[in-house]
Amino acid sequence: MTTTELLTRLADRHVLLCPAGDRLRFTPPNVIDDDLREELKRHKPAILSLIPPGWPGDVPIPAWWAELAGAFPAGFLKAAKRSECADPGCRFPVAVQWPGEVGLMWSCPACGLGVNLETC
């Protein structure tokens, strides 16, 4: 099972997976069987390596995150910060920082809308 498949499987079971330093918290625990728990242990380093510093610990990692973050080289996503997307159809609660053409830029990872955190 790939990391993307694992995150999708967890989402299908309505499991919320949140980073907590060097750990992963998940709720509800009663839907995690032994096989899934082993997969989580096996993929933990890969999952944590995809999460940029500053990701709020109470914001679950979306099922699509591994596919998005895995499309970039390691360290491409420089930081994350709580900032609700301004797009009314999105409202994702986190913005990510990445190197753009004119320096570091912030955007919503869900819809791609640029965010100016200097004025927010």
Protein backbone atom coordinates (compact mmCIF):
# COMPACT_ATOMS: atom_id res chain seq x y z
CA MET A 1 0.00 0.00 0.00
CA THR A 2 1.31 3.44 -0.91
CA THR A 3 1.12 6.45 1.40
CA THR A 4 -1.57 7.97 -0.84
CA GLU A 5 -3.60 4.77 -0.70
CA LEU A 6 -3.26 4.67 3.08
CA LEU A 7 -4.46 8.26 3.48
CA THR A 8 -7.37 7.54 1.14
CA ARG A 9 -8.28 4.39 3.09
CA LEU A 10 -8.21 6.35 6.35
CA ALA A 11 -10.42 9.06 4.83
CA ASP A 12 -12.86 6.40 3.59
CA ARG A 13 -13.16 5.24 7.22
CA HIS A 14 -13.59 8.86 8.36
CA VAL A 15 -10.34 8.72 10.34
CA LEU A 16 -8.85 12.13 11.10
CA LEU A 17 -5.05 12.00 11.07
CA CYS A 18 -3.22 14.97 12.63
CA PRO A 19 0.50 15.65 13.03
CA ALA A 20 1.74 16.13 16.59
CA GLY A 21 5.46 16.80 16.46
CA ASP A 22 7.10 13.48 15.61
CA ARG A 23 3.85 11.59 16.21
CA LEU A 24 0.58 11.09 14.38
CA ARG A 25 -2.70 11.31 16.26
CA PHE A 26 -5.83 9.75 14.86
CA THR A 27 -9.50 9.66 15.79
CA PRO A 28 -11.61 7.69 16.20
CA PRO A 29 -9.28 4.91 17.32
CA ASN A 30 -11.95 2.20 17.22
CA VAL A 31 -11.92 2.02 13.39
CA ILE A 32 -8.21 1.24 13.20
CA ASP A 33 -7.64 -2.51 13.01
CA ASP A 34 -4.25 -4.16 13.57
CA ASP A 35 -3.40 -4.23 9.86
CA LEU A 36 -4.18 -0.54 9.44
CA ARG A 37 -2.25 0.30 12.61
CA GLU A 38 0.81 -1.51 11.15
CA GLU A 39 0.44 0.39 7.87
CA LEU A 40 0.31 3.66 9.83
CA LYS A 41 3.52 2.73 11.66
CA ARG A 42 5.20 1.77 8.41
CA HIS A 43 4.15 4.98 6.60
CA LYS A 44 4.56 7.36 9.55
CA PRO A 45 7.98 8.72 8.44
CA ALA A 46 6.69 9.26 4.89
CA ILE A 47 3.52 10.97 6.10
CA LEU A 48 5.41 13.24 8.50
CA SER A 49 7.98 14.13 5.82
CA LEU A 50 5.16 15.46 3.63
CA ILE A 51 3.84 17.87 6.26
CA PRO A 52 5.51 21.30 6.23
CA PRO A 53 6.58 22.90 9.53
CA GLY A 54 3.83 24.88 11.20
CA TRP A 55 0.93 22.64 10.15
CA PRO A 56 -1.72 23.13 12.87
CA GLY A 57 -1.98 19.99 15.00
CA ASP A 58 -5.76 20.13 15.08
CA VAL A 59 -6.16 20.21 11.28
CA PRO A 60 -6.42 16.71 9.82
CA ILE A 61 -4.19 15.73 6.94
CA PRO A 62 -6.46 15.49 3.88
CA ALA A 63 -6.59 12.24 1.91
CA TRP A 64 -5.23 14.07 -1.15
CA TRP A 65 -2.22 15.48 0.71
CA ALA A 66 0.26 12.70 -0.14
CA GLU A 67 -0.48 13.07 -3.85
CA LEU A 68 -0.10 16.86 -3.74
CA ALA A 69 2.99 17.06 -1.55
CA GLY A 70 4.58 14.05 -3.24
CA ALA A 71 4.51 15.90 -6.56
CA PHE A 72 7.17 18.30 -5.26
CA PRO A 73 10.79 17.68 -4.27
CA ALA A 74 11.52 17.17 -0.57
CA GLY A 75 11.50 20.47 1.29
CA PHE A 76 9.64 22.34 -1.47
CA LEU A 77 6.80 23.25 0.87
CA LYS A 78 8.61 25.52 3.31
CA ALA A 79 5.96 26.20 5.95
CA ALA A 80 2.30 25.98 6.82
CA LYS A 81 0.12 28.36 8.76
CA ARG A 82 -3.47 28.51 9.90
CA SER A 83 -5.22 30.75 7.38
CA GLU A 84 -8.69 30.02 6.04
CA CYS A 85 -8.92 30.17 2.25
CA ALA A 86 -10.87 33.20 1.03
CA ASP A 87 -12.61 31.16 -1.68
CA PRO A 88 -16.16 30.54 -0.35
CA GLY A 89 -16.24 27.16 -2.10
CA CYS A 90 -13.01 26.04 -0.45
CA ARG A 91 -12.36 27.53 3.00
CA PHE A 92 -9.43 25.13 3.62
CA PRO A 93 -7.99 26.18 7.01
CA VAL A 94 -4.25 26.08 6.16
CA ALA A 95 -2.00 27.99 3.78
CA VAL A 96 1.38 26.65 2.63
CA GLN A 97 4.52 28.53 1.70
CA TRP A 98 6.53 27.61 -1.38
CA PRO A 99 9.21 29.17 -3.58
CA GLY A 100 7.61 31.15 -6.39
CA GLU A 101 9.06 33.25 -9.19
CA VAL A 102 9.41 36.32 -6.96
CA GLY A 103 10.39 34.68 -3.67
CA LEU A 104 8.43 32.71 -1.13
CA MET A 105 4.68 32.72 -1.69
CA TRP A 106 1.66 31.50 0.29
CA SER A 107 -1.32 29.71 -1.20
CA CYS A 108 -4.19 27.42 -0.34
CA PRO A 109 -3.07 23.83 -0.99
CA ALA A 110 -6.65 22.72 -1.69
CA CYS A 111 -7.59 25.16 -4.45
CA GLY A 112 -4.35 27.01 -5.24
CA LEU A 113 -5.66 30.48 -4.43
CA GLY A 114 -2.81 32.81 -3.53
CA VAL A 115 -2.79 34.25 -0.03
CA ASN A 116 -1.09 37.44 1.12
CA LEU A 117 -0.29 36.61 4.73
CA GLU A 118 1.51 39.92 5.10
CA THR A 119 -1.84 41.74 5.01
CA CYS A 120 -4.08 39.06 6.57
